Amino acid sequence: MARAAVFTAQHLGVRQIVAYSRSGFTARLIARYRPPVPILVLTPNKRVACQMQLLWGVMPLLVTEQTSADGEIILLVENYLKSARLVRPGERLIVLMGGSASDRPKTNLMQIHQVRR
């Protein structure tokens, strides 16, 4: 999934790759491929956010809300990035997240999302 996100970002001209990660594992996977765009990682865990500062190209963002539903994660990501003025309406993002199908979610979902107004 991480390699697919980097490949898609390069070929679609996406300006940012965004990941919602509780453990930071997703950020490590994406950073391994050294994408030419920034990697924004939203996490509810302060310790994970501190660890993510050491990764290549990763900008950790601490969120206070925790959610597990896929649609809610997309809304959380969009609202947070718009309020922080990191995205503009109409921009496309690649969002990676773990599915809520198991007790221990792994990064198994990638969505190309266009920021709404």
Protein backbone atom coordinates (compact mmCIF):
# COMPACT_ATOMS: atom_id res chain seq x y z
CA MET A 1 0.00 0.00 0.00
CA ALA A 2 2.80 2.43 0.79
CA ARG A 3 4.49 1.85 -2.54
CA ALA A 4 1.15 2.20 -4.32
CA ALA A 5 0.55 5.52 -2.55
CA VAL A 6 3.94 6.89 -3.61
CA PHE A 7 3.44 5.68 -7.18
CA THR A 8 -0.04 7.22 -7.34
CA ALA A 9 1.18 10.51 -5.88
CA GLN A 10 3.86 10.77 -8.56
CA HIS A 11 1.54 9.95 -11.44
CA LEU A 12 -1.49 12.00 -10.36
CA GLY A 13 0.42 15.07 -9.22
CA VAL A 14 -0.91 14.82 -5.68
CA ARG A 15 0.75 17.33 -3.34
CA GLN A 16 0.60 15.30 -0.10
CA ILE A 17 0.28 11.78 1.18
CA VAL A 18 -1.73 11.59 4.38
CA ALA A 19 -1.84 8.68 6.80
CA TYR A 20 -3.93 8.09 9.89
CA SER A 21 -1.82 5.91 12.15
CA ARG A 22 -2.08 4.91 15.79
CA SER A 23 1.33 3.20 15.94
CA GLY A 24 3.36 5.03 13.28
CA PHE A 25 3.89 1.86 11.26
CA THR A 26 2.20 3.35 8.20
CA ALA A 27 4.48 6.39 8.30
CA ARG A 28 7.55 4.17 8.44
CA LEU A 29 6.36 2.22 5.41
CA ILE A 30 5.71 5.34 3.33
CA ALA A 31 8.97 7.08 4.33
CA ARG A 32 10.92 4.03 3.18
CA TYR A 33 10.04 4.91 -0.43
CA ARG A 34 11.21 8.55 -0.14
CA PRO A 35 8.24 10.14 -1.94
CA PRO A 36 8.77 13.55 -3.56
CA VAL A 37 5.78 14.94 -1.63
CA PRO A 38 5.35 15.52 2.12
CA ILE A 39 3.94 12.75 4.29
CA LEU A 40 1.42 14.04 6.83
CA VAL A 41 0.68 11.57 9.62
CA LEU A 42 -2.26 12.16 11.91
CA THR A 43 -2.08 10.23 15.15
CA PRO A 44 -3.93 10.39 18.47
CA ASN A 45 -0.80 9.19 20.31
CA LYS A 46 1.64 11.87 21.52
CA ARG A 47 4.53 9.41 21.85
CA VAL A 48 4.04 8.22 18.27
CA ALA A 49 3.94 11.83 17.06
CA CYS A 50 7.31 12.47 18.71
CA GLN A 51 8.80 9.35 17.12
CA MET A 52 7.52 10.34 13.68
CA GLN A 53 9.62 13.52 13.77
CA LEU A 54 12.68 11.38 13.11
CA LEU A 55 11.41 9.92 9.84
CA TRP A 56 12.36 11.27 6.42
CA GLY A 57 9.72 13.59 4.95
CA VAL A 58 7.17 12.98 7.71
CA MET A 59 5.21 15.75 9.40
CA PRO A 60 3.39 14.33 12.45
CA LEU A 61 0.12 15.95 13.49
CA LEU A 62 -1.41 15.17 16.87
CA VAL A 63 -5.20 14.82 16.82
CA THR A 64 -7.37 14.60 19.92
CA GLU A 65 -10.22 12.61 18.41
CA GLN A 66 -10.02 8.85 18.01
CA THR A 67 -12.15 7.06 15.49
CA SER A 68 -12.20 3.71 13.77
CA ALA A 69 -14.81 4.05 11.02
CA ASP A 70 -13.28 4.67 7.60
CA GLY A 71 -15.65 7.51 6.67
CA GLU A 72 -15.04 9.22 9.98
CA ILE A 73 -11.28 9.03 9.49
CA ILE A 74 -11.56 10.74 6.10
CA LEU A 75 -13.70 13.52 7.63
CA LEU A 76 -11.29 13.87 10.55
CA VAL A 77 -8.32 14.13 8.20
CA GLU A 78 -10.02 16.67 5.93
CA ASN A 79 -11.32 18.86 8.76
CA TYR A 80 -7.99 18.86 10.59
CA LEU A 81 -5.96 19.71 7.50
CA LYS A 82 -8.35 22.47 6.45
CA SER A 83 -8.35 24.04 9.92
CA ALA A 84 -4.54 23.89 9.99
CA ARG A 85 -4.49 25.43 6.48
CA LEU A 86 -2.42 22.59 5.09
CA VAL A 87 -4.84 21.94 2.22
CA ARG A 88 -7.16 24.00 0.07
CA PRO A 89 -10.57 23.07 -1.32
CA GLY A 90 -10.25 21.17 -4.57
CA GLU A 91 -6.84 19.64 -3.78
CA ARG A 92 -6.44 15.89 -4.03
CA LEU A 93 -4.91 13.84 -1.26
CA ILE A 94 -3.92 10.24 -0.96
CA VAL A 95 -5.15 8.96 2.38
CA LEU A 96 -3.86 5.71 3.87
CA MET A 97 -5.47 4.07 6.87
CA GLY A 98 -6.04 0.74 8.50
CA GLY A 99 -9.33 -0.98 7.98
CA SER A 100 -11.59 -1.54 10.95
CA ALA A 101 -12.14 -5.21 10.07
CA SER A 102 -9.74 -6.64 12.63
CA ASP A 103 -8.74 -6.09 16.23
CA ARG A 104 -5.32 -4.91 15.09
CA PRO A 105 -5.83 -2.79 12.00
CA LYS A 106 -3.15 -2.83 9.36
CA THR A 107 -2.71 -0.35 6.55
CA ASN A 108 -4.99 -1.83 3.97
CA LEU A 109 -7.00 1.09 2.62
CA MET A 110 -5.92 3.81 0.23
CA GLN A 111 -8.27 6.53 -0.95
CA ILE A 112 -7.74 9.38 -3.36
CA HIS A 113 -9.75 12.15 -1.77
CA GLN A 114 -10.62 15.58 -3.12
CA VAL A 115 -10.94 18.23 -0.41
CA ARG A 116 -14.44 19.70 -0.27
CA ARG A 117 -15.30 23.35 0.25
